[in-house]
Amino acid sequence: MSKPSSTPSLNPVRGAFDAWVTGAESALKATFEVQNAGLAAGLALLDATSSSQRVAFQEFTAAAQRAQSAALEAFQAQVRATERVTAAPTPAS
């Protein structure tokens, strides 16, 4: 914004307006700096949280897969035991 050629005493309204513009612009820039810092901190926190949640989810997935494997092994063992019990007896010689 170009400064007027007249002095503030000759044009008090323009001087007040220029002062307000300067102050408002400085306030906006300071507000944006604070907002950007908050956003950056939020993104870093979200990234850390996401990484943590990702690790927790991977651990949960691994535990679930181990439980599935154990359940399948138990089922297969039960099937084998049932097959042995219900197998037709072999004729005695």
Protein backbone atom coordinates (compact mmCIF):
# COMPACT_ATOMS: atom_id res chain seq x y z
CA MET A 1 0.00 0.00 0.00
CA SER A 2 1.51 3.34 -0.95
CA LYS A 3 1.82 5.99 1.72
CA PRO A 4 0.06 9.28 1.04
CA SER A 5 2.22 12.29 0.36
CA SER A 6 0.45 14.36 3.03
CA THR A 7 1.49 14.18 6.67
CA PRO A 8 -0.86 12.57 9.22
CA SER A 9 -1.57 15.98 10.77
CA LEU A 10 -2.91 17.24 7.43
CA ASN A 11 -4.98 14.11 6.81
CA PRO A 12 -5.87 12.55 10.18
CA VAL A 13 -8.40 10.10 8.75
CA ARG A 14 -5.88 8.72 6.28
CA GLY A 15 -3.26 8.49 9.03
CA ALA A 16 -5.65 6.58 11.29
CA PHE A 17 -6.59 4.28 8.44
CA ASP A 18 -2.94 3.58 7.58
CA ALA A 19 -2.20 2.83 11.24
CA TRP A 20 -5.22 0.51 11.43
CA VAL A 21 -4.16 -1.29 8.23
CA THR A 22 -0.64 -1.78 9.54
CA GLY A 23 -1.91 -3.08 12.90
CA ALA A 24 -4.56 -5.32 11.36
CA GLU A 25 -2.09 -6.78 8.88
CA SER A 26 0.42 -7.46 11.65
CA ALA A 27 -2.32 -9.07 13.76
CA LEU A 28 -3.42 -11.25 10.85
CA LYS A 29 0.14 -12.35 10.14
CA ALA A 30 0.70 -13.18 13.82
CA THR A 31 -2.60 -15.08 13.94
CA PHE A 32 -1.67 -17.04 10.84
CA GLU A 33 1.76 -17.89 12.28
CA VAL A 34 0.13 -19.21 15.46
CA GLN A 35 -2.48 -21.10 13.43
CA ASN A 36 0.19 -22.64 11.18
CA ALA A 37 2.25 -23.68 14.20
CA GLY A 38 -0.85 -25.30 15.70
CA LEU A 39 -1.61 -27.08 12.45
CA ALA A 40 1.96 -28.34 12.17
CA ALA A 41 1.85 -29.61 15.76
CA GLY A 42 -1.50 -31.26 15.10
CA LEU A 43 -0.18 -32.99 12.02
CA ALA A 44 2.87 -34.23 13.91
CA LEU A 45 0.63 -35.51 16.70
CA LEU A 46 -1.68 -37.17 14.21
CA ASP A 47 1.25 -38.78 12.44
CA ALA A 48 2.63 -40.07 15.75
CA THR A 49 -0.81 -41.28 16.75
CA SER A 50 -1.34 -42.94 13.42
CA SER A 51 2.02 -44.69 13.66
CA SER A 52 1.19 -45.84 17.17
CA GLN A 53 -2.24 -47.03 16.08
CA ARG A 54 -0.69 -48.74 13.06
CA VAL A 55 1.73 -50.66 15.31
CA ALA A 56 -1.07 -51.56 17.71
CA PHE A 57 -3.20 -52.73 14.79
CA GLN A 58 -0.33 -54.82 13.42
CA GLU A 59 0.17 -56.41 16.85
CA PHE A 60 -3.56 -57.08 17.13
CA THR A 61 -3.56 -58.62 13.65
CA ALA A 62 -0.61 -60.87 14.51
CA ALA A 63 -2.30 -61.96 17.75
CA ALA A 64 -5.55 -62.64 15.90
CA GLN A 65 -3.70 -64.72 13.30
CA ARG A 66 -1.98 -66.71 16.06
CA ALA A 67 -5.37 -67.31 17.69
CA GLN A 68 -6.82 -68.40 14.35
CA SER A 69 -3.93 -70.79 13.81
CA ALA A 70 -4.34 -72.23 17.32
CA ALA A 71 -8.08 -72.65 16.79
CA LEU A 72 -7.48 -74.41 13.46
CA GLU A 73 -4.91 -76.74 15.02
CA ALA A 74 -7.32 -77.53 17.88
CA PHE A 75 -10.11 -78.21 15.40
CA GLN A 76 -7.87 -80.47 13.31
CA ALA A 77 -6.72 -82.34 16.45
CA GLN A 78 -10.35 -82.83 17.46
CA VAL A 79 -11.20 -84.13 13.98
CA ARG A 80 -8.31 -86.63 14.14
CA ALA A 81 -9.38 -87.78 17.60
CA THR A 82 -12.96 -88.19 16.46
CA GLU A 83 -11.83 -90.16 13.40
CA ARG A 84 -9.82 -92.52 15.61
CA VAL A 85 -12.73 -93.08 17.98
CA THR A 86 -15.27 -93.64 15.25
CA ALA A 87 -13.05 -95.66 12.96
CA ALA A 88 -14.45 -99.08 12.13
CA PRO A 89 -12.79 -101.68 14.26
CA THR A 90 -10.47 -103.90 12.38
CA PRO A 91 -11.48 -107.55 12.41
CA ALA A 92 -9.62 -109.57 15.00
CA SER A 93 -7.58 -112.32 13.61
